[in-house]
Amino acid sequence: MFDLGAKGKSSDAGIYQESPMRTFIENHLTDFPSPASLEGFGVVSYHILADQGFAQAVHMQRPFNRLQAESDSGIAHFNKCFSSARRVVESLFGILASRFRLFLRPIHATQEHAKMLILTAMVSVNHILMER
């Protein structure tokens, strides 16, 4: 699922708040996979990983704030693991930029054409990753 309908200067959380994706997710919470056993941790639920700009929600997990992490080593460890997981997700932009050089500079195109360029790159990268 993706939403390509916002300009680069908008915040991720603000875009999400107004996005049809948010409505879809909130209306389909029962479609999330059932909690599953994670070796060494027990049964855990599936979540969408978000950064501090997003509101905490049942289906959306964000890191604890810095003050909480400084006072609790368990929370600090959670934030470290959380950050590592998000880094994996965010590395997609690096893959896109290295494979498709057009993402290394502003895209000078109509909004519709820019959406098509981004969507084409997303589909291509997914295909490349699935072939590995």
N, C-alpha and C. Protein backbone atom coordinates (compact mmCIF):
# COMPACT_ATOMS: atom_id res chain seq x y z
N MET A 1 0.84 -1.16 0.00
CA MET A 1 0.00 0.00 0.00
C MET A 1 0.90 1.23 0.00
N PHE A 2 0.51 2.25 -0.71
CA PHE A 2 1.29 3.47 -0.78
C PHE A 2 0.37 4.65 -1.04
N ASP A 3 0.87 5.84 -0.74
CA ASP A 3 0.15 7.08 -1.01
C ASP A 3 1.17 8.07 -1.54
N LEU A 4 1.03 8.48 -2.78
CA LEU A 4 2.00 9.38 -3.41
C LEU A 4 1.46 10.79 -3.58
N GLY A 5 0.49 11.19 -2.76
CA GLY A 5 -0.20 12.43 -3.03
C GLY A 5 0.18 13.64 -2.23
N ALA A 6 1.46 13.82 -1.81
CA ALA A 6 1.81 14.98 -1.02
C ALA A 6 3.13 15.58 -1.48
N LYS A 7 3.29 16.85 -1.21
CA LYS A 7 4.52 17.54 -1.57
C LYS A 7 5.59 17.27 -0.52
N GLY A 8 6.85 17.36 -0.90
CA GLY A 8 7.98 17.02 -0.04
C GLY A 8 8.09 17.83 1.23
N LYS A 9 7.56 19.05 1.27
CA LYS A 9 7.74 19.88 2.46
C LYS A 9 6.74 19.54 3.56
N SER A 10 5.76 18.71 3.30
CA SER A 10 4.75 18.33 4.29
C SER A 10 5.31 17.29 5.25
N SER A 11 4.86 17.32 6.51
CA SER A 11 5.32 16.33 7.49
C SER A 11 4.66 14.98 7.22
N ASP A 12 5.38 13.91 7.53
CA ASP A 12 4.84 12.57 7.33
C ASP A 12 3.55 12.37 8.12
N ALA A 13 3.55 12.81 9.39
CA ALA A 13 2.37 12.62 10.23
C ALA A 13 1.18 13.42 9.70
N GLY A 14 1.43 14.63 9.22
CA GLY A 14 0.36 15.45 8.66
C GLY A 14 -0.21 14.83 7.39
N ILE A 15 0.67 14.30 6.55
CA ILE A 15 0.24 13.63 5.33
C ILE A 15 -0.61 12.42 5.69
N TYR A 16 -0.13 11.62 6.64
CA TYR A 16 -0.85 10.41 7.06
C TYR A 16 -2.22 10.76 7.62
N GLN A 17 -2.29 11.82 8.43
CA GLN A 17 -3.56 12.21 9.06
C GLN A 17 -4.64 12.49 8.02
N GLU A 18 -4.26 13.05 6.89
CA GLU A 18 -5.21 13.40 5.83
C GLU A 18 -5.31 12.33 4.74
N SER A 19 -4.60 11.24 4.91
CA SER A 19 -4.47 10.24 3.87
C SER A 19 -5.61 9.22 3.86
N PRO A 20 -6.02 8.79 2.66
CA PRO A 20 -6.96 7.67 2.58
C PRO A 20 -6.36 6.40 3.16
N MET A 21 -5.03 6.33 3.22
CA MET A 21 -4.36 5.16 3.80
C MET A 21 -4.73 5.03 5.28
N ARG A 22 -4.74 6.15 6.02
CA ARG A 22 -5.10 6.12 7.44
C ARG A 22 -6.52 5.58 7.61
N THR A 23 -7.44 6.09 6.82
CA THR A 23 -8.82 5.63 6.89
C THR A 23 -8.91 4.15 6.58
N PHE A 24 -8.20 3.71 5.55
CA PHE A 24 -8.21 2.29 5.18
C PHE A 24 -7.69 1.43 6.32
N ILE A 25 -6.55 1.81 6.88
CA ILE A 25 -5.96 1.02 7.97
C ILE A 25 -6.89 0.98 9.17
N GLU A 26 -7.44 2.12 9.56
CA GLU A 26 -8.33 2.16 10.72
C GLU A 26 -9.60 1.36 10.49
N ASN A 27 -10.05 1.27 9.26
CA ASN A 27 -11.26 0.49 8.95
C ASN A 27 -10.97 -0.99 8.74
N HIS A 28 -9.69 -1.36 8.71
CA HIS A 28 -9.31 -2.76 8.45
C HIS A 28 -8.38 -3.32 9.52
N LEU A 29 -8.50 -2.84 10.75
CA LEU A 29 -7.63 -3.33 11.83
C LEU A 29 -7.80 -4.83 12.05
N THR A 30 -9.01 -5.34 11.80
CA THR A 30 -9.23 -6.79 11.97
C THR A 30 -8.53 -7.60 10.88
N ASP A 31 -8.07 -6.95 9.83
CA ASP A 31 -7.35 -7.65 8.76
C ASP A 31 -5.85 -7.78 9.04
N PHE A 32 -5.36 -7.12 10.10
CA PHE A 32 -3.96 -7.30 10.48
C PHE A 32 -3.75 -8.76 10.82
N PRO A 33 -2.56 -9.30 10.56
CA PRO A 33 -2.29 -10.70 10.94
C PRO A 33 -2.48 -10.89 12.45
N SER A 34 -2.88 -12.07 12.83
CA SER A 34 -3.03 -12.39 14.25
C SER A 34 -1.66 -12.35 14.92
N PRO A 35 -1.63 -12.05 16.23
CA PRO A 35 -0.35 -12.10 16.94
C PRO A 35 0.32 -13.45 16.73
N ALA A 36 1.64 -13.44 16.67
CA ALA A 36 2.40 -14.67 16.41
C ALA A 36 3.56 -14.77 17.39
N SER A 37 4.05 -15.98 17.55
CA SER A 37 5.17 -16.24 18.45
C SER A 37 6.47 -15.73 17.82
N LEU A 38 7.22 -14.98 18.61
CA LEU A 38 8.51 -14.47 18.19
C LEU A 38 9.54 -15.05 19.15
N GLU A 39 10.42 -15.88 18.61
CA GLU A 39 11.37 -16.62 19.44
C GLU A 39 12.07 -15.71 20.46
N GLY A 40 11.99 -16.10 21.71
CA GLY A 40 12.63 -15.36 22.78
C GLY A 40 11.80 -14.24 23.36
N PHE A 41 10.65 -13.94 22.73
CA PHE A 41 9.82 -12.83 23.19
C PHE A 41 8.39 -13.23 23.49
N GLY A 42 7.98 -14.40 23.06
CA GLY A 42 6.59 -14.81 23.24
C GLY A 42 5.74 -14.35 22.08
N VAL A 43 4.45 -14.25 22.34
CA VAL A 43 3.49 -13.85 21.30
C VAL A 43 3.47 -12.32 21.20
N VAL A 44 3.62 -11.83 19.99
CA VAL A 44 3.62 -10.38 19.76
C VAL A 44 2.64 -10.03 18.63
N SER A 45 2.15 -8.81 18.70
CA SER A 45 1.22 -8.31 17.68
C SER A 45 2.01 -7.65 16.55
N TYR A 46 1.37 -7.52 15.40
CA TYR A 46 1.95 -6.81 14.27
C TYR A 46 1.62 -5.33 14.41
N HIS A 47 2.58 -4.47 14.03
CA HIS A 47 2.39 -3.03 14.11
C HIS A 47 3.00 -2.35 12.90
N ILE A 48 2.56 -1.15 12.65
CA ILE A 48 3.21 -0.26 11.70
C ILE A 48 4.23 0.53 12.51
N LEU A 49 5.47 0.62 12.04
CA LEU A 49 6.50 1.37 12.74
C LEU A 49 6.46 2.82 12.29
N ALA A 50 6.48 3.74 13.25
CA ALA A 50 6.40 5.16 12.94
C ALA A 50 7.45 5.92 13.75
N ASP A 51 7.67 7.18 13.39
CA ASP A 51 8.62 7.98 14.17
C ASP A 51 7.87 8.83 15.18
N GLN A 52 8.62 9.68 15.91
CA GLN A 52 8.04 10.47 17.00
C GLN A 52 6.93 11.41 16.52
N GLY A 53 6.91 11.76 15.26
CA GLY A 53 5.91 12.69 14.75
C GLY A 53 4.50 12.13 14.71
N PHE A 54 4.36 10.82 14.81
CA PHE A 54 3.06 10.17 14.72
C PHE A 54 2.48 9.95 16.11
N ALA A 55 1.17 9.92 16.17
CA ALA A 55 0.48 9.61 17.43
C ALA A 55 0.55 8.11 17.68
N GLN A 56 0.70 7.74 18.95
CA GLN A 56 0.66 6.33 19.33
C GLN A 56 -0.75 5.80 19.07
N ALA A 57 -0.86 4.62 18.52
CA ALA A 57 -2.16 3.99 18.26
C ALA A 57 -2.02 2.49 18.45
N VAL A 58 -3.14 1.81 18.53
CA VAL A 58 -3.13 0.36 18.74
C VAL A 58 -2.31 -0.33 17.66
N HIS A 59 -2.46 0.10 16.43
CA HIS A 59 -1.80 -0.54 15.29
C HIS A 59 -0.48 0.12 14.90
N MET A 60 -0.15 1.24 15.56
CA MET A 60 1.04 2.00 15.18
C MET A 60 1.95 2.16 16.39
N GLN A 61 3.17 1.70 16.26
CA GLN A 61 4.14 1.78 17.36
C GLN A 61 5.17 2.84 17.05
N ARG A 62 5.50 3.64 18.05
CA ARG A 62 6.54 4.65 17.90
C ARG A 62 7.50 4.52 19.07
N PRO A 63 8.69 5.08 18.97
CA PRO A 63 9.65 4.94 20.07
C PRO A 63 9.20 5.74 21.29
N PHE A 64 9.73 5.34 22.45
CA PHE A 64 9.51 6.12 23.67
C PHE A 64 10.32 7.40 23.56
N ASN A 65 9.92 8.43 24.33
CA ASN A 65 10.68 9.68 24.27
C ASN A 65 12.03 9.53 24.97
N ARG A 66 12.92 10.45 24.69
CA ARG A 66 14.29 10.38 25.17
C ARG A 66 14.39 10.34 26.70
N LEU A 67 13.56 11.13 27.38
CA LEU A 67 13.60 11.16 28.85
C LEU A 67 13.25 9.80 29.43
N GLN A 68 12.25 9.13 28.87
CA GLN A 68 11.89 7.80 29.34
C GLN A 68 13.04 6.82 29.09
N ALA A 69 13.67 6.92 27.94
CA ALA A 69 14.76 6.00 27.59
C ALA A 69 15.98 6.23 28.49
N GLU A 70 16.23 7.48 28.86
CA GLU A 70 17.37 7.77 29.73
C GLU A 70 17.19 7.22 31.13
N SER A 71 15.94 7.07 31.57
CA SER A 71 15.69 6.62 32.94
C SER A 71 15.37 5.13 33.05
N ASP A 72 15.28 4.43 31.93
CA ASP A 72 14.91 3.01 31.96
C ASP A 72 15.70 2.27 30.88
N SER A 73 16.57 1.36 31.30
CA SER A 73 17.42 0.65 30.34
C SER A 73 16.60 -0.26 29.42
N GLY A 74 15.48 -0.79 29.90
CA GLY A 74 14.61 -1.61 29.05
C GLY A 74 14.01 -0.80 27.92
N ILE A 75 13.58 0.41 28.25
CA ILE A 75 13.02 1.31 27.23
C ILE A 75 14.12 1.73 26.25
N ALA A 76 15.31 1.99 26.78
CA ALA A 76 16.44 2.36 25.90
C ALA A 76 16.74 1.22 24.93
N HIS A 77 16.71 -0.02 25.41
CA HIS A 77 16.96 -1.17 24.54
C HIS A 77 15.85 -1.29 23.49
N PHE A 78 14.60 -1.11 23.91
CA PHE A 78 13.49 -1.14 22.95
C PHE A 78 13.71 -0.11 21.86
N ASN A 79 14.04 1.13 22.26
CA ASN A 79 14.25 2.19 21.27
C ASN A 79 15.37 1.85 20.30
N LYS A 80 16.43 1.21 20.81
CA LYS A 80 17.55 0.82 19.94
C LYS A 80 17.09 -0.22 18.91
N CYS A 81 16.36 -1.23 19.37
CA CYS A 81 15.84 -2.26 18.45
C CYS A 81 14.85 -1.66 17.46
N PHE A 82 14.00 -0.78 17.97
CA PHE A 82 13.00 -0.11 17.14
C PHE A 82 13.68 0.70 16.05
N SER A 83 14.72 1.44 16.43
CA SER A 83 15.46 2.25 15.47
C SER A 83 16.10 1.38 14.39
N SER A 84 16.63 0.23 14.79
CA SER A 84 17.23 -0.69 13.82
C SER A 84 16.20 -1.19 12.82
N ALA A 85 15.00 -1.53 13.32
CA ALA A 85 13.94 -2.02 12.44
C ALA A 85 13.51 -0.92 11.46
N ARG A 86 13.36 0.30 11.95
CA ARG A 86 12.96 1.40 11.08
C ARG A 86 14.04 1.70 10.05
N ARG A 87 15.30 1.55 10.43
CA ARG A 87 16.40 1.81 9.49
C ARG A 87 16.32 0.86 8.30
N VAL A 88 15.94 -0.38 8.56
CA VAL A 88 15.79 -1.35 7.46
C VAL A 88 14.71 -0.86 6.50
N VAL A 89 13.59 -0.41 7.05
CA VAL A 89 12.49 0.08 6.22
C VAL A 89 12.92 1.33 5.45
N GLU A 90 13.58 2.25 6.13
CA GLU A 90 13.96 3.51 5.51
C GLU A 90 15.09 3.36 4.49
N SER A 91 15.79 2.22 4.51
CA SER A 91 16.86 2.02 3.53
C SER A 91 16.31 1.89 2.11
N LEU A 92 15.00 1.72 1.98
CA LEU A 92 14.40 1.64 0.65
C LEU A 92 14.72 2.90 -0.15
N PHE A 93 14.71 4.07 0.50
CA PHE A 93 15.02 5.29 -0.25
C PHE A 93 16.44 5.23 -0.79
N GLY A 94 17.37 4.72 0.00
CA GLY A 94 18.75 4.56 -0.47
C GLY A 94 18.83 3.64 -1.67
N ILE A 95 18.05 2.56 -1.63
CA ILE A 95 18.01 1.63 -2.77
C ILE A 95 17.43 2.34 -3.99
N LEU A 96 16.34 3.08 -3.78
CA LEU A 96 15.73 3.82 -4.90
C LEU A 96 16.73 4.82 -5.49
N ALA A 97 17.40 5.57 -4.62
CA ALA A 97 18.33 6.60 -5.09
C ALA A 97 19.52 5.99 -5.83
N SER A 98 20.01 4.84 -5.35
CA SER A 98 21.17 4.24 -6.02
C SER A 98 20.79 3.60 -7.35
N ARG A 99 19.59 3.05 -7.43
CA ARG A 99 19.15 2.41 -8.68
C ARG A 99 18.61 3.41 -9.69
N PHE A 100 17.96 4.44 -9.17
CA PHE A 100 17.31 5.44 -10.02
C PHE A 100 17.85 6.81 -9.64
N ARG A 101 18.83 7.29 -10.36
CA ARG A 101 19.56 8.50 -10.01
C ARG A 101 18.66 9.74 -9.93
N LEU A 102 17.48 9.69 -10.50
CA LEU A 102 16.62 10.87 -10.50
C LEU A 102 16.21 11.28 -9.09
N PHE A 103 16.33 10.38 -8.09
CA PHE A 103 15.96 10.72 -6.72
C PHE A 103 17.06 11.44 -5.96
N LEU A 104 18.19 11.70 -6.62
CA LEU A 104 19.29 12.41 -5.98
C LEU A 104 19.18 13.92 -6.15
N ARG A 105 18.16 14.37 -6.86
CA ARG A 105 17.95 15.80 -7.08
C ARG A 105 16.45 16.06 -7.17
N PRO A 106 16.03 17.31 -7.11
CA PRO A 106 14.59 17.59 -7.25
C PRO A 106 14.06 17.06 -8.58
N ILE A 107 12.85 16.56 -8.55
CA ILE A 107 12.21 16.05 -9.77
C ILE A 107 11.45 17.20 -10.41
N HIS A 108 11.86 17.59 -11.59
CA HIS A 108 11.18 18.67 -12.31
C HIS A 108 10.20 18.04 -13.29
N ALA A 109 8.97 17.89 -12.83
CA ALA A 109 7.93 17.25 -13.63
C ALA A 109 6.58 17.68 -13.09
N THR A 110 5.55 17.44 -13.86
CA THR A 110 4.21 17.69 -13.33
C THR A 110 3.97 16.73 -12.16
N GLN A 111 3.02 17.06 -11.31
CA GLN A 111 2.74 16.20 -10.16
C GLN A 111 2.35 14.79 -10.63
N GLU A 112 1.55 14.71 -11.66
CA GLU A 112 1.11 13.39 -12.16
C GLU A 112 2.29 12.59 -12.72
N HIS A 113 3.16 13.26 -13.48
CA HIS A 113 4.33 12.58 -14.04
C HIS A 113 5.29 12.14 -12.92
N ALA A 114 5.48 12.98 -11.91
CA ALA A 114 6.35 12.63 -10.78
C ALA A 114 5.79 11.40 -10.05
N LYS A 115 4.47 11.35 -9.87
CA LYS A 115 3.86 10.18 -9.23
C LYS A 115 4.14 8.91 -10.03
N MET A 116 4.04 9.01 -11.35
CA MET A 116 4.30 7.84 -12.20
C MET A 116 5.77 7.40 -12.12
N LEU A 117 6.69 8.36 -12.08
CA LEU A 117 8.11 8.02 -11.93
C LEU A 117 8.37 7.30 -10.61
N ILE A 118 7.80 7.82 -9.53
CA ILE A 118 8.00 7.22 -8.21
C ILE A 118 7.37 5.83 -8.15
N LEU A 119 6.16 5.70 -8.65
CA LEU A 119 5.48 4.40 -8.64
C LEU A 119 6.24 3.38 -9.48
N THR A 120 6.74 3.79 -10.63
CA THR A 120 7.52 2.88 -11.47
C THR A 120 8.77 2.41 -10.73
N ALA A 121 9.45 3.32 -10.05
CA ALA A 121 10.64 2.95 -9.28
C ALA A 121 10.28 2.00 -8.14
N MET A 122 9.17 2.26 -7.45
CA MET A 122 8.76 1.39 -6.34
C MET A 122 8.48 -0.03 -6.84
N VAL A 123 7.75 -0.14 -7.93
CA VAL A 123 7.44 -1.46 -8.49
C VAL A 123 8.72 -2.15 -8.93
N SER A 124 9.62 -1.41 -9.57
CA SER A 124 10.88 -2.00 -10.04
C SER A 124 11.73 -2.51 -8.89
N VAL A 125 11.85 -1.72 -7.82
CA VAL A 125 12.64 -2.15 -6.66
C VAL A 125 12.01 -3.37 -6.01
N ASN A 126 10.69 -3.38 -5.87
CA ASN A 126 10.03 -4.56 -5.30
C ASN A 126 10.32 -5.79 -6.15
N HIS A 127 10.30 -5.64 -7.45
CA HIS A 127 10.61 -6.76 -8.35
C HIS A 127 12.06 -7.22 -8.14
N ILE A 128 12.98 -6.27 -8.08
CA ILE A 128 14.40 -6.60 -7.87
C ILE A 128 14.57 -7.35 -6.55
N LEU A 129 13.94 -6.86 -5.49
CA LEU A 129 14.08 -7.49 -4.17
C LEU A 129 13.45 -8.88 -4.14
N MET A 130 12.36 -9.07 -4.86
CA MET A 130 11.70 -10.38 -4.88
C MET A 130 12.52 -11.40 -5.67
N GLU A 131 13.32 -10.94 -6.63
CA GLU A 131 14.14 -11.83 -7.44
C GLU A 131 15.37 -12.33 -6.69
N ARG A 132 15.72 -11.68 -5.61
CA ARG A 132 16.92 -12.07 -4.84
C ARG A 132 16.71 -13.36 -4.11
